Amino acid sequence: MLTNEKLLDIYGTKLWQFLPTPLREWWFLSLFDNIPYFNENTITLEEPPSIFYDNTEDTNAFTTQIKSDKLGDVTSALNKYLLPKVLCPWGCSEYNHESGHLPFDLICQRSFSKVKIKTIHKSYDLVKMYSSRDDYIRYDVNDYDCWVFNPDWKVIPNMVRTESSGLQVCT
C-alpha cells in the first residue's frame, strides 16, 4: 500500500495515517530510501497522527489481568480498560474485549476506493464494507467523539495484531 504510486498520487500522507504508531518504525527508514514522496518533511514517526489505535497490548493486558482471578488485578483492569472506546465502521462503539474483527486490507480498499488495491481477502467480503459509514475514517483525530468530554477516552478506530489473521480492524 505504501509503495503504490497511484495511491501516493491521490492520497499522499493519508496512507501513513493508516499505520498505528507502534508499527510505523518497521517501515519508516525504508520509505525514505525507496519512495521519493516520503521524506523528513512529509512524515515522522508521530506525524501525521495515526487514525487507528493499536489495541493489541491493551486487549492482551485486560485478558491477562481478568484471568489472574486476583481482585486487585481485576479491579485495575476494569478501571483502566472497561470503556467502549472502539469505533465500529458502522458507527457504534464497543469494548476492547467484546469487539469483532475485519481484515485491514478491506478497510483500506473501502477508504481508498479511487484505486483498486491488491487485497489478501476475497473481494466478496468487501461488499459488507461498502455499507459502513463514510465518516468512519477521519483524518483529523480531533474529529472523533469522547466519553464525558475526556480526550483520553476518544472513541476511535482500533486495530489488533493477531498471529492467525495479521492486522484486523476492531468492530
N, C-alpha and C. Protein backbone atom coordinates (compact mmCIF):
# COMPACT_ATOMS: atom_id res chain seq x y z
N MET A 1 0.82 -1.19 0.00
CA MET A 1 0.00 0.00 0.00
C MET A 1 0.87 1.26 0.00
N LEU A 2 1.93 1.25 0.80
CA LEU A 2 2.78 2.43 0.91
C LEU A 2 3.65 2.66 -0.32
N THR A 3 3.76 1.66 -1.18
CA THR A 3 4.59 1.79 -2.37
C THR A 3 3.76 1.92 -3.66
N ASN A 4 2.46 1.93 -3.55
CA ASN A 4 1.59 2.03 -4.72
C ASN A 4 1.58 3.48 -5.21
N GLU A 5 2.12 3.71 -6.39
CA GLU A 5 2.26 5.08 -6.91
C GLU A 5 0.91 5.77 -7.12
N LYS A 6 -0.09 5.04 -7.58
CA LYS A 6 -1.42 5.64 -7.77
C LYS A 6 -2.00 6.10 -6.44
N LEU A 7 -1.86 5.25 -5.42
CA LEU A 7 -2.34 5.64 -4.09
C LEU A 7 -1.59 6.86 -3.57
N LEU A 8 -0.28 6.89 -3.75
CA LEU A 8 0.51 8.04 -3.30
C LEU A 8 0.10 9.32 -4.01
N ASP A 9 -0.15 9.24 -5.31
CA ASP A 9 -0.56 10.43 -6.06
C ASP A 9 -1.89 10.99 -5.57
N ILE A 10 -2.82 10.11 -5.24
CA ILE A 10 -4.17 10.56 -4.85
C ILE A 10 -4.26 10.86 -3.35
N TYR A 11 -3.70 9.98 -2.51
CA TYR A 11 -3.93 10.08 -1.06
C TYR A 11 -2.73 10.59 -0.27
N GLY A 12 -1.54 10.54 -0.81
CA GLY A 12 -0.35 11.10 -0.16
C GLY A 12 -0.11 10.57 1.24
N THR A 13 0.10 11.49 2.18
CA THR A 13 0.44 11.10 3.55
C THR A 13 -0.74 10.47 4.29
N LYS A 14 -1.93 10.51 3.73
CA LYS A 14 -3.06 9.83 4.36
C LYS A 14 -2.80 8.33 4.47
N LEU A 15 -1.98 7.80 3.57
CA LEU A 15 -1.61 6.38 3.66
C LEU A 15 -0.85 6.12 4.95
N TRP A 16 0.03 7.03 5.32
CA TRP A 16 0.83 6.89 6.53
C TRP A 16 -0.06 6.90 7.77
N GLN A 17 -1.17 7.63 7.71
CA GLN A 17 -2.07 7.73 8.84
C GLN A 17 -2.78 6.41 9.13
N PHE A 18 -2.81 5.49 8.19
CA PHE A 18 -3.45 4.21 8.40
C PHE A 18 -2.60 3.27 9.26
N LEU A 19 -1.32 3.56 9.40
CA LEU A 19 -0.47 2.72 10.24
C LEU A 19 -0.48 3.22 11.67
N PRO A 20 -0.81 2.34 12.62
CA PRO A 20 -0.73 2.75 14.03
C PRO A 20 0.72 3.10 14.39
N THR A 21 0.89 3.99 15.30
CA THR A 21 2.21 4.47 15.68
C THR A 21 3.19 3.35 16.01
N PRO A 22 2.82 2.30 16.78
CA PRO A 22 3.81 1.25 17.09
C PRO A 22 4.33 0.49 15.86
N LEU A 23 3.58 0.49 14.77
CA LEU A 23 4.01 -0.24 13.58
C LEU A 23 4.84 0.61 12.62
N ARG A 24 4.84 1.89 12.80
CA ARG A 24 5.50 2.79 11.85
C ARG A 24 7.00 2.60 11.76
N GLU A 25 7.64 2.29 12.87
CA GLU A 25 9.10 2.17 12.85
C GLU A 25 9.57 1.04 11.95
N TRP A 26 8.72 0.07 11.66
CA TRP A 26 9.09 -1.04 10.78
C TRP A 26 9.33 -0.56 9.35
N TRP A 27 8.64 0.49 8.93
CA TRP A 27 8.73 0.96 7.54
C TRP A 27 9.41 2.32 7.40
N PHE A 28 9.55 3.03 8.47
CA PHE A 28 9.94 4.44 8.42
C PHE A 28 11.19 4.70 7.58
N LEU A 29 12.30 4.12 7.92
CA LEU A 29 13.56 4.41 7.22
C LEU A 29 13.58 3.86 5.80
N SER A 30 12.98 2.71 5.58
CA SER A 30 12.98 2.15 4.23
C SER A 30 12.14 2.99 3.27
N LEU A 31 11.13 3.68 3.78
CA LEU A 31 10.34 4.55 2.91
C LEU A 31 11.19 5.70 2.37
N PHE A 32 12.05 6.26 3.20
CA PHE A 32 12.91 7.35 2.75
C PHE A 32 13.85 6.89 1.64
N ASP A 33 14.33 5.67 1.75
CA ASP A 33 15.26 5.13 0.76
C ASP A 33 14.58 4.73 -0.55
N ASN A 34 13.35 4.29 -0.48
CA ASN A 34 12.71 3.68 -1.65
C ASN A 34 11.57 4.49 -2.27
N ILE A 35 10.95 5.38 -1.53
CA ILE A 35 9.81 6.14 -2.05
C ILE A 35 10.13 7.63 -1.95
N PRO A 36 10.37 8.30 -3.08
CA PRO A 36 10.75 9.71 -3.04
C PRO A 36 9.69 10.62 -2.40
N TYR A 37 8.45 10.19 -2.43
CA TYR A 37 7.38 11.02 -1.86
C TYR A 37 7.57 11.23 -0.36
N PHE A 38 8.08 10.20 0.33
CA PHE A 38 8.25 10.28 1.77
C PHE A 38 9.64 10.78 2.12
N ASN A 39 9.68 11.79 3.00
CA ASN A 39 10.95 12.31 3.50
C ASN A 39 10.70 12.96 4.85
N GLU A 40 11.74 13.54 5.44
CA GLU A 40 11.62 14.15 6.77
C GLU A 40 10.62 15.29 6.81
N ASN A 41 10.30 15.88 5.65
CA ASN A 41 9.35 16.99 5.60
C ASN A 41 7.90 16.53 5.48
N THR A 42 7.67 15.27 5.09
CA THR A 42 6.29 14.80 4.90
C THR A 42 5.80 13.92 6.04
N ILE A 43 6.70 13.12 6.65
CA ILE A 43 6.26 12.23 7.72
C ILE A 43 7.32 12.13 8.82
N THR A 44 6.87 11.80 10.02
CA THR A 44 7.74 11.39 11.12
C THR A 44 7.08 10.16 11.74
N LEU A 45 7.64 9.65 12.80
CA LEU A 45 7.01 8.51 13.46
C LEU A 45 5.67 8.89 14.09
N GLU A 46 5.50 10.17 14.44
CA GLU A 46 4.26 10.61 15.09
C GLU A 46 3.35 11.44 14.18
N GLU A 47 3.89 12.00 13.11
CA GLU A 47 3.11 12.91 12.26
C GLU A 47 3.08 12.41 10.82
N PRO A 48 2.00 12.60 10.11
CA PRO A 48 0.69 12.97 10.64
C PRO A 48 0.17 11.88 11.56
N PRO A 49 -0.67 12.25 12.54
CA PRO A 49 -1.10 11.28 13.55
C PRO A 49 -1.87 10.11 12.94
N SER A 50 -1.70 8.97 13.57
CA SER A 50 -2.38 7.76 13.12
C SER A 50 -3.88 7.85 13.38
N ILE A 51 -4.66 7.30 12.46
CA ILE A 51 -6.11 7.21 12.63
C ILE A 51 -6.46 6.06 13.55
N PHE A 52 -5.70 4.97 13.44
CA PHE A 52 -6.00 3.75 14.18
C PHE A 52 -5.17 3.66 15.45
N TYR A 53 -5.82 3.21 16.51
CA TYR A 53 -5.12 2.92 17.76
C TYR A 53 -4.81 1.42 17.77
N ASP A 54 -3.56 1.07 18.03
CA ASP A 54 -3.18 -0.34 18.13
C ASP A 54 -3.59 -0.85 19.50
N ASN A 55 -4.63 -1.66 19.51
CA ASN A 55 -5.27 -2.13 20.72
C ASN A 55 -4.71 -3.47 21.19
N THR A 56 -3.70 -3.98 20.55
CA THR A 56 -3.19 -5.32 20.83
C THR A 56 -2.74 -5.47 22.28
N GLU A 57 -1.88 -4.57 22.73
CA GLU A 57 -1.34 -4.67 24.09
C GLU A 57 -2.43 -4.49 25.14
N ASP A 58 -3.35 -3.55 24.92
CA ASP A 58 -4.44 -3.32 25.87
C ASP A 58 -5.33 -4.55 26.00
N THR A 59 -5.66 -5.16 24.87
CA THR A 59 -6.51 -6.35 24.89
C THR A 59 -5.81 -7.50 25.60
N ASN A 60 -4.53 -7.70 25.32
CA ASN A 60 -3.77 -8.76 25.99
C ASN A 60 -3.65 -8.50 27.49
N ALA A 61 -3.38 -7.26 27.88
CA ALA A 61 -3.26 -6.92 29.30
C ALA A 61 -4.59 -7.12 30.01
N PHE A 62 -5.68 -6.68 29.40
CA PHE A 62 -7.00 -6.85 30.01
C PHE A 62 -7.29 -8.33 30.23
N THR A 63 -7.08 -9.13 29.21
CA THR A 63 -7.36 -10.57 29.31
C THR A 63 -6.50 -11.23 30.39
N THR A 64 -5.23 -10.89 30.42
CA THR A 64 -4.31 -11.46 31.41
C THR A 64 -4.73 -11.08 32.83
N GLN A 65 -5.07 -9.81 33.04
CA GLN A 65 -5.44 -9.37 34.38
C GLN A 65 -6.77 -9.98 34.84
N ILE A 66 -7.71 -10.11 33.94
CA ILE A 66 -9.01 -10.70 34.31
C ILE A 66 -8.83 -12.18 34.63
N LYS A 67 -8.02 -12.88 33.85
CA LYS A 67 -7.82 -14.32 34.07
C LYS A 67 -6.99 -14.62 35.32
N SER A 68 -6.33 -13.62 35.87
CA SER A 68 -5.49 -13.86 37.05
C SER A 68 -6.33 -14.21 38.27
N ASP A 69 -7.60 -13.83 38.27
CA ASP A 69 -8.52 -14.07 39.40
C ASP A 69 -8.07 -13.41 40.69
N LYS A 70 -7.24 -12.40 40.58
CA LYS A 70 -6.83 -11.63 41.74
C LYS A 70 -7.65 -10.34 41.74
N LEU A 71 -8.27 -10.05 42.86
CA LEU A 71 -9.17 -8.91 42.94
C LEU A 71 -8.49 -7.61 42.53
N GLY A 72 -7.25 -7.40 42.95
CA GLY A 72 -6.51 -6.18 42.60
C GLY A 72 -6.30 -6.06 41.10
N ASP A 73 -5.92 -7.18 40.45
CA ASP A 73 -5.71 -7.16 39.00
C ASP A 73 -7.01 -6.94 38.25
N VAL A 74 -8.07 -7.61 38.70
CA VAL A 74 -9.38 -7.46 38.05
C VAL A 74 -9.87 -6.02 38.18
N THR A 75 -9.76 -5.46 39.38
CA THR A 75 -10.18 -4.08 39.61
C THR A 75 -9.38 -3.12 38.74
N SER A 76 -8.08 -3.32 38.69
CA SER A 76 -7.22 -2.47 37.88
C SER A 76 -7.60 -2.56 36.40
N ALA A 77 -7.84 -3.78 35.91
CA ALA A 77 -8.21 -3.97 34.51
C ALA A 77 -9.54 -3.29 34.20
N LEU A 78 -10.51 -3.44 35.07
CA LEU A 78 -11.82 -2.82 34.83
C LEU A 78 -11.72 -1.31 34.84
N ASN A 79 -10.96 -0.76 35.78
CA ASN A 79 -10.80 0.70 35.84
C ASN A 79 -10.08 1.25 34.62
N LYS A 80 -9.09 0.51 34.12
CA LYS A 80 -8.27 1.03 33.03
C LYS A 80 -8.86 0.77 31.64
N TYR A 81 -9.48 -0.41 31.44
CA TYR A 81 -9.84 -0.82 30.09
C TYR A 81 -11.34 -0.92 29.82
N LEU A 82 -12.17 -0.78 30.81
CA LEU A 82 -13.60 -1.01 30.58
C LEU A 82 -14.32 0.27 30.17
N LEU A 83 -13.99 0.71 28.98
CA LEU A 83 -14.66 1.83 28.33
C LEU A 83 -14.92 1.45 26.88
N PRO A 84 -16.07 1.75 26.34
CA PRO A 84 -16.35 1.41 24.93
C PRO A 84 -15.69 2.41 23.99
N LYS A 85 -14.36 2.30 23.81
CA LYS A 85 -13.59 3.25 23.00
C LYS A 85 -13.29 2.77 21.60
N VAL A 86 -13.80 1.59 21.23
CA VAL A 86 -13.58 1.05 19.89
C VAL A 86 -14.70 1.56 18.98
N LEU A 87 -14.33 2.30 17.95
CA LEU A 87 -15.32 2.79 16.99
C LEU A 87 -15.50 1.75 15.89
N CYS A 88 -16.72 1.33 15.71
CA CYS A 88 -17.07 0.34 14.69
C CYS A 88 -17.27 1.07 13.35
N PRO A 89 -16.95 0.43 12.23
CA PRO A 89 -17.17 1.08 10.92
C PRO A 89 -18.62 1.44 10.64
N TRP A 90 -19.55 0.89 11.41
CA TRP A 90 -20.96 1.21 11.21
C TRP A 90 -21.47 2.21 12.23
N GLY A 91 -20.58 2.79 13.06
CA GLY A 91 -20.94 3.92 13.89
C GLY A 91 -21.12 3.65 15.37
N CYS A 92 -21.23 2.41 15.80
CA CYS A 92 -21.41 2.16 17.22
C CYS A 92 -20.05 2.11 17.91
N SER A 93 -20.06 2.05 19.23
CA SER A 93 -18.82 1.90 19.98
C SER A 93 -18.87 0.57 20.73
N GLU A 94 -17.70 0.03 21.02
CA GLU A 94 -17.63 -1.29 21.64
C GLU A 94 -16.46 -1.34 22.62
N TYR A 95 -16.52 -2.29 23.54
CA TYR A 95 -15.44 -2.53 24.49
C TYR A 95 -14.34 -3.34 23.79
N ASN A 96 -13.09 -3.15 24.24
CA ASN A 96 -11.96 -3.88 23.66
C ASN A 96 -12.20 -5.37 23.62
N HIS A 97 -12.59 -5.92 24.75
CA HIS A 97 -12.70 -7.37 24.87
C HIS A 97 -13.95 -7.95 24.18
N GLU A 98 -14.86 -7.10 23.75
CA GLU A 98 -16.08 -7.55 23.09
C GLU A 98 -16.07 -7.31 21.58
N SER A 99 -15.03 -6.69 21.08
CA SER A 99 -15.04 -6.30 19.67
C SER A 99 -14.79 -7.48 18.75
N GLY A 100 -15.40 -7.38 17.57
CA GLY A 100 -15.13 -8.33 16.50
C GLY A 100 -14.01 -7.80 15.63
N HIS A 101 -13.75 -8.45 14.52
CA HIS A 101 -12.63 -8.04 13.67
C HIS A 101 -12.99 -8.13 12.20
N LEU A 102 -12.42 -7.21 11.44
CA LEU A 102 -12.50 -7.22 9.98
C LEU A 102 -11.08 -7.10 9.43
N PRO A 103 -10.83 -7.70 8.28
CA PRO A 103 -9.49 -7.60 7.70
C PRO A 103 -9.11 -6.15 7.36
N PHE A 104 -7.89 -5.79 7.72
CA PHE A 104 -7.38 -4.44 7.49
C PHE A 104 -7.37 -4.06 6.01
N ASP A 105 -7.04 -5.01 5.14
CA ASP A 105 -6.96 -4.69 3.72
C ASP A 105 -8.31 -4.29 3.14
N LEU A 106 -9.40 -4.84 3.69
CA LEU A 106 -10.73 -4.47 3.19
C LEU A 106 -11.11 -3.05 3.63
N ILE A 107 -10.71 -2.67 4.83
CA ILE A 107 -10.94 -1.29 5.28
C ILE A 107 -10.15 -0.32 4.40
N CYS A 108 -8.92 -0.71 4.07
CA CYS A 108 -8.10 0.14 3.19
C CYS A 108 -8.77 0.29 1.83
N GLN A 109 -9.23 -0.80 1.25
CA GLN A 109 -9.87 -0.71 -0.06
C GLN A 109 -11.12 0.15 0.00
N ARG A 110 -11.89 0.03 1.07
CA ARG A 110 -13.10 0.86 1.23
C ARG A 110 -12.72 2.34 1.32
N SER A 111 -11.65 2.63 2.02
CA SER A 111 -11.24 4.02 2.23
C SER A 111 -10.52 4.61 1.02
N PHE A 112 -9.81 3.77 0.28
CA PHE A 112 -9.06 4.23 -0.89
C PHE A 112 -9.75 3.73 -2.15
N SER A 113 -11.01 4.05 -2.28
CA SER A 113 -11.85 3.49 -3.33
C SER A 113 -11.49 3.97 -4.74
N LYS A 114 -10.70 5.02 -4.87
CA LYS A 114 -10.34 5.52 -6.19
C LYS A 114 -9.30 4.65 -6.90
N VAL A 115 -8.69 3.74 -6.13
CA VAL A 115 -7.66 2.86 -6.69
C VAL A 115 -7.95 1.44 -6.24
N LYS A 116 -7.86 0.50 -7.15
CA LYS A 116 -8.03 -0.91 -6.81
C LYS A 116 -6.72 -1.42 -6.24
N ILE A 117 -6.74 -1.82 -4.96
CA ILE A 117 -5.54 -2.36 -4.36
C ILE A 117 -5.64 -3.88 -4.30
N LYS A 118 -4.50 -4.51 -4.24
CA LYS A 118 -4.49 -5.97 -4.14
C LYS A 118 -4.81 -6.35 -2.70
N THR A 119 -5.92 -7.06 -2.51
CA THR A 119 -6.32 -7.47 -1.18
C THR A 119 -6.01 -8.95 -0.98
N ILE A 120 -5.75 -9.30 0.25
CA ILE A 120 -5.49 -10.69 0.61
C ILE A 120 -6.81 -11.45 0.71
N HIS A 121 -7.80 -10.77 1.25
CA HIS A 121 -9.10 -11.40 1.47
C HIS A 121 -9.96 -11.31 0.21
N LYS A 122 -10.89 -12.18 0.10
CA LYS A 122 -11.74 -12.27 -1.08
C LYS A 122 -12.55 -10.99 -1.28
N SER A 123 -12.72 -10.60 -2.52
CA SER A 123 -13.41 -9.35 -2.83
C SER A 123 -14.88 -9.40 -2.43
N TYR A 124 -15.49 -10.60 -2.35
CA TYR A 124 -16.90 -10.64 -1.94
C TYR A 124 -17.07 -10.18 -0.50
N ASP A 125 -16.02 -10.29 0.32
CA ASP A 125 -16.08 -9.76 1.68
C ASP A 125 -16.15 -8.23 1.68
N LEU A 126 -15.67 -7.62 0.62
CA LEU A 126 -15.66 -6.17 0.51
C LEU A 126 -17.07 -5.60 0.39
N VAL A 127 -18.00 -6.38 -0.10
CA VAL A 127 -19.38 -5.92 -0.25
C VAL A 127 -19.93 -5.47 1.10
N LYS A 128 -19.60 -6.18 2.17
CA LYS A 128 -20.05 -5.78 3.52
C LYS A 128 -19.51 -4.39 3.88
N MET A 129 -18.30 -4.12 3.46
CA MET A 129 -17.65 -2.87 3.85
C MET A 129 -18.30 -1.65 3.22
N TYR A 130 -18.91 -1.79 2.07
CA TYR A 130 -19.49 -0.62 1.41
C TYR A 130 -20.69 -0.06 2.16
N SER A 131 -21.25 -0.81 3.10
CA SER A 131 -22.35 -0.29 3.90
C SER A 131 -21.85 0.43 5.16
N SER A 132 -20.55 0.45 5.38
CA SER A 132 -20.01 1.14 6.55
C SER A 132 -20.12 2.65 6.37
N ARG A 133 -19.99 3.36 7.47
CA ARG A 133 -20.16 4.81 7.47
C ARG A 133 -19.06 5.50 6.66
N ASP A 134 -19.45 6.50 5.91
CA ASP A 134 -18.47 7.27 5.14
C ASP A 134 -17.53 8.07 6.04
N ASP A 135 -17.99 8.43 7.24
CA ASP A 135 -17.15 9.22 8.14
C ASP A 135 -16.43 8.36 9.19
N TYR A 136 -16.31 7.06 8.94
CA TYR A 136 -15.58 6.19 9.87
C TYR A 136 -14.12 6.63 9.95
N ILE A 137 -13.51 6.88 8.80
CA ILE A 137 -12.14 7.37 8.76
C ILE A 137 -12.17 8.89 8.70
N ARG A 138 -11.59 9.51 9.70
CA ARG A 138 -11.48 10.97 9.76
C ARG A 138 -10.01 11.30 9.93
N TYR A 139 -9.48 12.05 9.02
CA TYR A 139 -8.04 12.29 9.01
C TYR A 139 -7.58 13.25 10.10
N ASP A 140 -8.51 13.94 10.74
CA ASP A 140 -8.17 14.76 11.89
C ASP A 140 -8.66 14.02 13.14
N VAL A 141 -7.72 13.58 13.95
CA VAL A 141 -8.05 12.77 15.13
C VAL A 141 -8.96 13.53 16.10
N ASN A 142 -8.94 14.84 16.07
CA ASN A 142 -9.79 15.64 16.95
C ASN A 142 -11.26 15.62 16.54
N ASP A 143 -11.58 15.06 15.38
CA ASP A 143 -12.97 14.99 14.93
C ASP A 143 -13.75 13.84 15.56
N TYR A 144 -13.10 13.00 16.34
CA TYR A 144 -13.78 11.87 16.97
C TYR A 144 -14.36 12.28 18.32
N ASP A 145 -15.45 11.62 18.69
CA ASP A 145 -16.11 11.91 19.97
C ASP A 145 -15.34 11.33 21.14
N CYS A 146 -15.61 11.88 22.33
CA CYS A 146 -15.00 11.41 23.58
C CYS A 146 -16.11 11.06 24.57
N TRP A 147 -15.80 10.16 25.50
CA TRP A 147 -16.71 9.91 26.60
C TRP A 147 -16.52 11.02 27.63
N VAL A 148 -17.61 11.56 28.12
CA VAL A 148 -17.66 12.66 29.10
C VAL A 148 -16.60 13.73 28.84
N PHE A 149 -16.41 14.06 27.58
CA PHE A 149 -15.51 15.12 27.14
C PHE A 149 -14.06 14.91 27.58
N ASN A 150 -13.69 13.69 27.90
CA ASN A 150 -12.32 13.38 28.30
C ASN A 150 -11.52 12.98 27.06
N PRO A 151 -10.52 13.76 26.66
CA PRO A 151 -9.76 13.45 25.44
C PRO A 151 -8.98 12.13 25.53
N ASP A 152 -8.76 11.61 26.73
CA ASP A 152 -8.11 10.31 26.88
C ASP A 152 -9.08 9.16 26.59
N TRP A 153 -10.35 9.48 26.47
CA TRP A 153 -11.38 8.46 26.22
C TRP A 153 -12.03 8.66 24.86
N LYS A 154 -11.22 8.89 23.84
CA LYS A 154 -11.73 9.06 22.48
C LYS A 154 -12.25 7.73 21.93
N VAL A 155 -13.36 7.79 21.23
CA VAL A 155 -13.92 6.63 20.54
C VAL A 155 -13.39 6.69 19.11
N ILE A 156 -12.38 5.87 18.82
CA ILE A 156 -11.68 5.94 17.55
C ILE A 156 -11.54 4.55 16.93
N PRO A 157 -11.20 4.50 15.66
CA PRO A 157 -10.92 3.20 15.04
C PRO A 157 -9.74 2.52 15.75
N ASN A 158 -9.90 1.24 16.00
CA ASN A 158 -8.88 0.43 16.66
C ASN A 158 -8.51 -0.74 15.77
N MET A 159 -7.33 -1.26 15.98
CA MET A 159 -6.94 -2.49 15.30
C MET A 159 -6.14 -3.35 16.27
N VAL A 160 -6.08 -4.63 15.96
CA VAL A 160 -5.28 -5.57 16.73
C VAL A 160 -4.42 -6.38 15.76
N ARG A 161 -3.29 -6.86 16.28
CA ARG A 161 -2.43 -7.76 15.52
C ARG A 161 -2.64 -9.16 16.06
N THR A 162 -3.01 -10.09 15.18
CA THR A 162 -3.21 -11.47 15.61
C THR A 162 -2.24 -12.37 14.86
N GLU A 163 -1.86 -13.46 15.50
CA GLU A 163 -0.94 -14.40 14.85
C GLU A 163 -1.60 -15.08 13.67
N SER A 164 -2.89 -15.37 13.80
CA SER A 164 -3.57 -16.13 12.75
C SER A 164 -4.03 -15.27 11.56
N SER A 165 -4.41 -14.02 11.82
CA SER A 165 -5.01 -13.21 10.75
C SER A 165 -4.28 -11.92 10.43
N GLY A 166 -3.21 -11.60 11.15
CA GLY A 166 -2.49 -10.37 10.90
C GLY A 166 -3.23 -9.15 11.43
N LEU A 167 -3.14 -8.03 10.72
CA LEU A 167 -3.82 -6.80 11.15
C LEU A 167 -5.32 -6.93 10.95
N GLN A 168 -6.05 -6.64 12.02
CA GLN A 168 -7.50 -6.71 11.98
C GLN A 168 -8.06 -5.42 12.57
N VAL A 169 -9.08 -4.86 11.91
CA VAL A 169 -9.74 -3.67 12.41
C VAL A 169 -10.85 -4.14 13.35
N CYS A 170 -10.92 -3.49 14.52
CA CYS A 170 -11.92 -3.87 15.52
C CYS A 170 -13.29 -3.30 15.15
N THR A 171 -14.32 -4.10 15.39
CA THR A 171 -15.70 -3.67 15.11
C THR A 171 -16.53 -3.73 16.37
